[in-house]
Amino acid sequence: MRSVVDAAERDADGLFGPDDLHLYNVVRYHLGWVDERFIPVQSDPGKRIRPVFCMLSTAAAGGDPRAALPVSAGIELLHNFTLMHDDIQDRSELRRGRPTIWRRWGEAQAINAGDATFALSQLAVFESAKAGLDPLTIADLAVKFNSMTLKIVEGQVLDLGFEKRSDVRPGEYLQMISGKTAAIVAYASWAGARIAGSDASSANWWKELGRLLGLGFQIRDDYLGIWGDEASTGKQPGDDIRGRKQSIPIILLQQELNDRERSELRDIYARDSVDEADVCRVTAMLDQYEIAGKMQAMTEDYHARGLLILDQIAEPGAARDAMAGLAEQLVDRSR
């Protein structure tokens, strides 16, 4: 499967303009293909979970994963477009251990690179004609691709709005991550099934599988944002507390605290900056109310529900086993 993912990456690079054009080299830098001088390098390309899901879904639904290369490339490009703009909005200075493109070349050029990457993601989907897909299937893939993109943006708008609130409810959080994180995993799984020839009803079960695993993936990500090991995540433990993020551990904690503790937590999150004493205090509250265990239970529930669907819809074989293994990694991952 790694060789197939690498092929999807080559498909993506084939869409780019001239190598000497600054715009495309900035995109290549973000993707980890070149360094700041635009010299080819081997760097961390990210987890690439989403294109892997698409190709594994194609295989597990009885199709040829190579037919999913263009859409998989489009999915990965779209994901990276969202990261480029997220980094600007979040003022993130590092991405995968390197300066973010807005930090290196400025916000305006980072916006341009993001816009170009979004356009490239669209072009990649339409390359499916070269993989032998019929026009109606390609049209369906393209329409759903754009609907999924809107869901991601809707989720990002909600997430930014949460930063100004201290009363976010678990249901609102799930609505937000259903768009921002789970929508693209759901699309990847659905698209793989459609490429394999599944009908609309069957493909929707694949979509639900991706949605459930995407939700579990984000909850695990929020866990790592507080309790993750710096050697694995590249971030200090408690980093999401320093950033005063309204992630699920904080939202769950709010439900457990008494009035005095809740007021204390809100005071900490209202400060201009959070110091190490504040991080220790919030972490102690989280530990006191066993929030990590509650989050793990949520992640395992989504994982189990997803695997139940997988067992019912996937053809037995290596692809189904690989999907189950990938789902297991999402639950237990350390980065």
Protein backbone atom coordinates (compact mmCIF):
# COMPACT_ATOMS: atom_id res chain seq x y z
CA MET A 1 0.00 0.00 0.00
CA ARG A 2 2.90 2.39 0.64
CA SER A 3 3.93 2.14 -3.01
CA VAL A 4 0.38 2.97 -4.05
CA VAL A 5 0.33 6.00 -1.75
CA ASP A 6 3.64 7.13 -3.24
CA ALA A 7 2.05 6.78 -6.67
CA ALA A 8 -0.78 9.06 -5.55
CA GLU A 9 1.84 11.58 -4.48
CA ARG A 10 3.45 11.40 -7.91
CA ASP A 11 0.02 11.94 -9.46
CA ALA A 12 -0.33 15.10 -7.39
CA ASP A 13 3.10 16.42 -8.36
CA GLY A 14 2.26 15.86 -12.03
CA LEU A 15 -0.45 18.52 -11.77
CA PHE A 16 1.96 21.24 -10.65
CA GLY A 17 3.26 24.02 -12.86
CA PRO A 18 6.92 24.67 -13.74
CA ASP A 19 9.53 23.68 -11.16
CA ASP A 20 11.00 27.19 -11.22
CA LEU A 21 7.71 28.90 -10.36
CA HIS A 22 7.77 30.11 -6.75
CA LEU A 23 4.10 29.31 -6.11
CA TYR A 24 4.40 25.59 -6.75
CA ASN A 25 7.68 25.31 -4.89
CA VAL A 26 6.05 26.82 -1.80
CA VAL A 27 3.35 24.13 -2.08
CA ARG A 28 6.03 21.46 -2.50
CA TYR A 29 7.77 22.81 0.61
CA HIS A 30 4.58 22.52 2.66
CA LEU A 31 4.10 18.95 1.41
CA GLY A 32 7.62 18.08 2.57
CA TRP A 33 9.09 17.46 -0.86
CA VAL A 34 11.65 20.31 -0.86
CA ASP A 35 13.50 22.42 1.70
CA GLU A 36 13.38 26.23 2.08
CA ARG A 37 15.78 26.59 -0.87
CA PHE A 38 13.46 24.32 -2.89
CA ILE A 39 16.01 21.52 -3.01
CA PRO A 40 14.40 18.03 -2.93
CA VAL A 41 14.54 16.41 0.51
CA GLN A 42 13.17 13.43 2.38
CA SER A 43 11.10 14.86 5.23
CA ASP A 44 8.05 13.92 7.26
CA PRO A 45 5.09 13.96 4.82
CA GLY A 46 2.49 13.57 7.54
CA LYS A 47 0.30 10.57 8.29
CA ARG A 48 -1.49 10.48 4.91
CA ILE A 49 -4.35 8.63 6.59
CA ARG A 50 -7.00 10.07 4.30
CA PRO A 51 -5.63 8.89 0.93
CA VAL A 52 -4.79 5.53 2.49
CA PHE A 53 -8.42 5.21 3.60
CA CYS A 54 -9.61 5.95 0.09
CA MET A 55 -7.43 3.33 -1.55
CA LEU A 56 -8.04 0.70 1.13
CA SER A 57 -11.79 1.28 0.82
CA THR A 58 -11.55 0.78 -2.92
CA ALA A 59 -9.71 -2.51 -2.45
CA ALA A 60 -11.92 -3.72 0.41
CA ALA A 61 -15.04 -2.96 -1.65
CA GLY A 62 -13.69 -5.16 -4.44
CA GLY A 63 -12.00 -2.60 -6.67
CA ASP A 64 -8.49 -1.83 -7.89
CA PRO A 65 -6.83 0.73 -5.57
CA ARG A 66 -4.89 2.15 -8.51
CA ALA A 67 -8.18 3.49 -9.87
CA ALA A 68 -8.41 5.61 -6.71
CA LEU A 69 -5.04 7.32 -7.23
CA PRO A 70 -6.40 10.61 -8.64
CA VAL A 71 -9.08 11.04 -5.98
CA SER A 72 -6.64 10.03 -3.25
CA ALA A 73 -4.21 12.67 -4.49
CA GLY A 74 -7.05 15.20 -4.47
CA ILE A 75 -7.98 14.29 -0.91
CA GLU A 76 -4.41 14.75 0.32
CA LEU A 77 -4.06 18.06 -1.52
CA LEU A 78 -7.34 19.31 -0.07
CA HIS A 79 -6.25 18.31 3.43
CA ASN A 80 -3.03 20.26 2.99
CA PHE A 81 -4.91 23.29 1.66
CA THR A 82 -6.85 23.36 4.94
CA LEU A 83 -3.62 23.06 6.93
CA MET A 84 -2.06 26.01 5.10
CA HIS A 85 -4.99 28.26 5.99
CA ASP A 86 -5.34 26.78 9.50
CA ASP A 87 -1.72 27.65 10.23
CA ILE A 88 -2.42 31.29 9.37
CA GLN A 89 -5.60 31.43 11.45
CA ASP A 90 -4.01 29.66 14.43
CA ARG A 91 -0.71 31.58 14.13
CA SER A 92 1.11 28.24 14.10
CA GLU A 93 4.81 28.75 13.42
CA LEU A 94 5.81 25.10 12.95
CA ARG A 95 4.38 22.27 10.88
CA ARG A 96 6.04 18.84 11.05
CA GLY A 97 9.10 20.38 12.64
CA ARG A 98 9.62 23.08 9.99
CA PRO A 99 8.55 26.73 9.73
CA THR A 100 5.04 27.08 8.33
CA ILE A 101 4.76 28.74 4.94
CA TRP A 102 3.13 31.89 6.30
CA ARG A 103 5.98 32.23 8.80
CA ARG A 104 8.60 31.72 6.09
CA TRP A 105 7.09 33.64 3.15
CA GLY A 106 4.32 35.75 4.71
CA GLU A 107 0.57 35.46 5.02
CA ALA A 108 -0.24 36.69 1.52
CA GLN A 109 1.91 34.06 -0.19
CA ALA A 110 0.61 31.37 2.15
CA ILE A 111 -2.96 32.27 1.16
CA ASN A 112 -1.94 32.07 -2.50
CA ALA A 113 -0.34 28.67 -1.95
CA GLY A 114 -3.46 27.44 -0.17
CA ASP A 115 -5.72 28.68 -2.95
CA ALA A 116 -3.54 26.98 -5.56
CA THR A 117 -3.53 23.74 -3.58
CA PHE A 118 -7.33 23.80 -3.42
CA ALA A 119 -7.49 24.22 -7.21
CA LEU A 120 -4.97 21.39 -7.64
CA SER A 121 -7.14 19.14 -5.47
CA GLN A 122 -10.07 19.75 -7.83
CA LEU A 123 -7.97 19.01 -10.90
CA ALA A 124 -6.78 15.78 -9.30
CA VAL A 125 -10.33 14.48 -8.89
CA PHE A 126 -11.06 15.09 -12.57
CA GLU A 127 -7.94 13.12 -13.49
CA SER A 128 -10.09 10.08 -12.61
CA ALA A 129 -11.08 9.93 -16.28
CA LYS A 130 -7.57 8.64 -16.99
CA ALA A 131 -8.19 5.85 -14.47
CA GLY A 132 -11.15 4.68 -16.52
CA LEU A 133 -14.00 5.96 -14.36
CA ASP A 134 -17.21 6.86 -16.17
CA PRO A 135 -18.35 10.51 -16.39
CA LEU A 136 -21.35 10.10 -14.05
CA THR A 137 -19.17 8.58 -11.31
CA ILE A 138 -16.61 11.36 -11.72
CA ALA A 139 -19.35 13.99 -11.49
CA ASP A 140 -20.67 12.36 -8.31
CA LEU A 141 -17.16 12.28 -6.83
CA ALA A 142 -16.61 15.96 -7.69
CA VAL A 143 -19.94 17.18 -6.30
CA LYS A 144 -19.47 15.28 -3.04
CA PHE A 145 -15.85 16.50 -2.87
CA ASN A 146 -17.05 20.10 -2.82
CA SER A 147 -19.85 19.35 -0.36
CA MET A 148 -17.25 17.79 1.92
CA THR A 149 -15.05 20.88 1.58
CA LEU A 150 -17.93 23.07 2.74
CA LYS A 151 -18.39 20.80 5.78
CA ILE A 152 -14.72 21.26 6.66
CA VAL A 153 -15.03 25.04 6.44
CA GLU A 154 -18.24 24.99 8.50
CA GLY A 155 -16.39 23.02 11.16
CA GLN A 156 -13.49 25.47 11.13
CA VAL A 157 -15.89 28.40 11.60
CA LEU A 158 -17.41 26.66 14.62
CA ASP A 159 -13.96 25.90 16.03
CA LEU A 160 -12.87 29.52 15.76
CA GLY A 161 -16.11 30.60 17.41
CA PHE A 162 -15.47 28.25 20.33
CA GLU A 163 -12.32 30.23 21.21
CA LYS A 164 -14.50 33.08 22.48
CA ARG A 165 -16.75 30.84 24.57
CA SER A 166 -16.48 28.97 27.85
CA ASP A 167 -19.80 27.12 27.60
CA VAL A 168 -19.25 24.79 24.63
CA ARG A 169 -21.30 21.62 24.99
CA PRO A 170 -20.15 18.11 23.97
CA GLY A 171 -22.82 17.99 21.26
CA GLU A 172 -21.53 21.22 19.72
CA TYR A 173 -17.99 19.86 19.79
CA LEU A 174 -19.09 16.69 17.98
CA GLN A 175 -20.87 18.80 15.38
CA MET A 176 -17.67 20.78 14.85
CA ILE A 177 -15.36 17.78 14.44
CA SER A 178 -17.94 16.02 12.25
CA GLY A 179 -17.18 18.77 9.75
CA LYS A 180 -13.61 19.81 10.40
CA THR A 181 -12.09 16.34 10.80
CA ALA A 182 -14.51 13.50 10.14
CA ALA A 183 -16.01 14.81 6.87
CA ILE A 184 -12.86 14.20 4.84
CA VAL A 185 -12.33 10.69 6.28
CA ALA A 186 -15.98 9.91 5.56
CA TYR A 187 -15.56 11.16 2.00
CA ALA A 188 -12.37 9.15 1.50
CA SER A 189 -14.11 5.95 2.57
CA TRP A 190 -17.24 6.71 0.53
CA ALA A 191 -15.26 7.65 -2.58
CA GLY A 192 -13.24 4.45 -2.41
CA ALA A 193 -16.43 2.42 -2.42
CA ARG A 194 -17.91 4.40 -5.33
CA ILE A 195 -14.71 3.95 -7.34
CA ALA A 196 -14.98 0.20 -6.69
CA GLY A 197 -18.49 0.25 -8.17
CA SER A 198 -20.59 0.18 -4.99
CA ASP A 199 -24.12 1.52 -5.32
CA ALA A 200 -25.27 4.61 -3.42
CA SER A 201 -26.73 2.65 -0.49
CA SER A 202 -23.61 0.55 0.04
CA ALA A 203 -21.33 3.57 -0.37
CA ASN A 204 -23.22 5.39 2.38
CA TRP A 205 -22.29 2.60 4.80
CA TRP A 206 -18.65 3.17 3.86
CA LYS A 207 -19.21 6.87 4.52
CA GLU A 208 -20.55 6.11 7.99
CA LEU A 209 -17.52 3.91 8.66
CA GLY A 210 -15.22 6.81 7.78
CA ARG A 211 -17.25 9.26 9.85
CA LEU A 212 -17.02 7.11 12.98
CA LEU A 213 -13.30 6.52 12.61
CA GLY A 214 -12.76 10.22 11.86
CA LEU A 215 -14.51 11.19 15.09
CA GLY A 216 -12.37 8.76 17.06
CA PHE A 217 -9.26 10.09 15.31
CA GLN A 218 -9.98 13.67 16.41
CA ILE A 219 -10.78 12.73 20.00
CA ARG A 220 -7.46 10.90 20.16
CA ASP A 221 -5.80 13.99 18.70
CA ASP A 222 -7.28 16.10 21.48
CA TYR A 223 -5.97 13.58 24.00
CA LEU A 224 -2.46 13.92 22.57
CA GLY A 225 -2.77 17.72 22.72
CA ILE A 226 -2.65 17.46 26.51
CA TRP A 227 -1.11 14.11 27.43
CA GLY A 228 0.99 13.38 24.34
CA ASP A 229 4.71 12.64 24.58
CA GLU A 230 6.83 15.46 23.18
CA ALA A 231 9.23 13.02 21.52
CA SER A 232 6.32 11.62 19.48
CA THR A 233 4.08 14.64 18.91
CA GLY A 234 6.72 17.37 18.64
CA LYS A 235 4.69 19.41 21.13
CA GLN A 236 4.99 19.85 24.87
CA PRO A 237 2.45 18.05 27.07
CA GLY A 238 -0.37 20.46 27.84
CA ASP A 239 0.14 22.40 24.61
CA ASP A 240 -3.61 22.69 24.00
CA ILE A 241 -4.00 24.16 27.50
CA ARG A 242 -1.37 26.80 26.70
CA GLY A 243 -3.33 27.56 23.55
CA ARG A 244 -6.56 27.72 25.60
CA LYS A 245 -8.26 25.40 23.15
CA GLN A 246 -11.86 24.36 23.79
CA SER A 247 -11.07 20.74 22.98
CA ILE A 248 -13.07 17.78 24.25
CA PRO A 249 -11.08 17.22 27.49
CA ILE A 250 -11.83 20.79 28.59
CA ILE A 251 -15.46 20.54 27.49
CA LEU A 252 -15.92 17.28 29.41
CA LEU A 253 -14.16 18.76 32.41
CA GLN A 254 -16.58 21.70 32.47
CA GLN A 255 -19.42 19.20 32.94
CA GLU A 256 -17.77 17.74 36.05
CA LEU A 257 -16.50 20.79 37.94
CA ASN A 258 -18.24 22.47 40.84
CA ASP A 259 -18.97 26.20 40.61
CA ARG A 260 -15.72 27.26 42.29
CA GLU A 261 -13.56 25.03 40.09
CA ARG A 262 -15.43 26.06 36.96
CA SER A 263 -14.83 29.72 37.78
CA GLU A 264 -11.13 28.99 38.34
CA LEU A 265 -10.84 27.22 34.98
CA ARG A 266 -12.60 30.04 33.16
CA ASP A 267 -10.29 32.58 34.80
CA ILE A 268 -7.26 30.65 33.54
CA TYR A 269 -8.65 30.46 30.01
CA ALA A 270 -9.49 34.19 30.04
CA ARG A 271 -5.86 35.21 30.61
CA ASP A 272 -3.68 36.65 27.87
CA SER A 273 -1.16 33.87 28.46
CA VAL A 274 -1.16 30.59 30.36
CA ASP A 275 1.92 29.80 32.45
CA GLU A 276 3.24 26.43 33.61
CA ALA A 277 1.49 26.69 36.98
CA ASP A 278 -1.81 27.11 35.12
CA VAL A 279 -1.05 24.10 32.92
CA CYS A 280 -0.30 21.99 36.00
CA ARG A 281 -3.50 23.13 37.70
CA VAL A 282 -5.73 22.33 34.71
CA THR A 283 -3.98 18.99 34.20
CA ALA A 284 -4.59 18.17 37.87
CA MET A 285 -8.30 18.90 37.41
CA LEU A 286 -8.40 16.67 34.35
CA ASP A 287 -6.71 13.87 36.27
CA GLN A 288 -8.97 14.34 39.29
CA TYR A 289 -12.08 13.79 37.19
CA GLU A 290 -10.51 11.01 35.09
CA ILE A 291 -11.13 12.83 31.82
CA ALA A 292 -8.45 10.87 29.95
CA GLY A 293 -10.29 7.64 30.69
CA LYS A 294 -13.59 9.12 29.52
CA MET A 295 -11.96 10.21 26.26
CA GLN A 296 -10.43 6.80 25.71
CA ALA A 297 -13.85 5.22 26.21
CA MET A 298 -15.32 7.56 23.58
CA THR A 299 -12.54 6.74 21.12
CA GLU A 300 -12.94 3.00 21.64
CA ASP A 301 -16.71 3.27 21.19
CA TYR A 302 -16.35 4.96 17.79
CA HIS A 303 -13.67 2.45 16.85
CA ALA A 304 -15.84 -0.54 17.78
CA ARG A 305 -18.85 0.82 15.91
CA GLY A 306 -16.71 1.45 12.86
CA LEU A 307 -15.23 -2.05 12.89
CA LEU A 308 -18.71 -3.55 13.20
CA ILE A 309 -19.69 -1.82 9.96
CA LEU A 310 -16.40 -2.82 8.30
CA ASP A 311 -17.01 -6.49 9.09
CA GLN A 312 -20.44 -6.27 7.46
CA ILE A 313 -19.56 -4.41 4.25
CA ALA A 314 -15.95 -5.26 3.34
CA GLU A 315 -14.90 -8.30 1.39
CA PRO A 316 -12.69 -10.64 3.45
CA GLY A 317 -9.03 -10.30 2.62
CA ALA A 318 -5.88 -8.27 3.02
CA ALA A 319 -7.53 -4.90 2.36
CA ARG A 320 -10.15 -5.38 5.06
CA ASP A 321 -7.47 -6.55 7.48
CA ALA A 322 -5.36 -3.50 6.62
CA MET A 323 -8.30 -1.18 7.25
CA ALA A 324 -8.95 -2.82 10.61
CA GLY A 325 -5.26 -2.45 11.46
CA LEU A 326 -5.27 1.21 10.47
CA ALA A 327 -8.35 1.80 12.62
CA GLU A 328 -6.52 0.18 15.53
CA GLN A 329 -3.56 2.50 15.01
CA LEU A 330 -5.84 5.54 15.13
CA VAL A 331 -7.08 4.52 18.58
CA ASP A 332 -3.61 3.87 20.01
CA ARG A 333 -1.46 6.32 18.04
CA SER A 334 1.08 8.49 19.86
CA ARG A 335 1.46 11.23 17.21
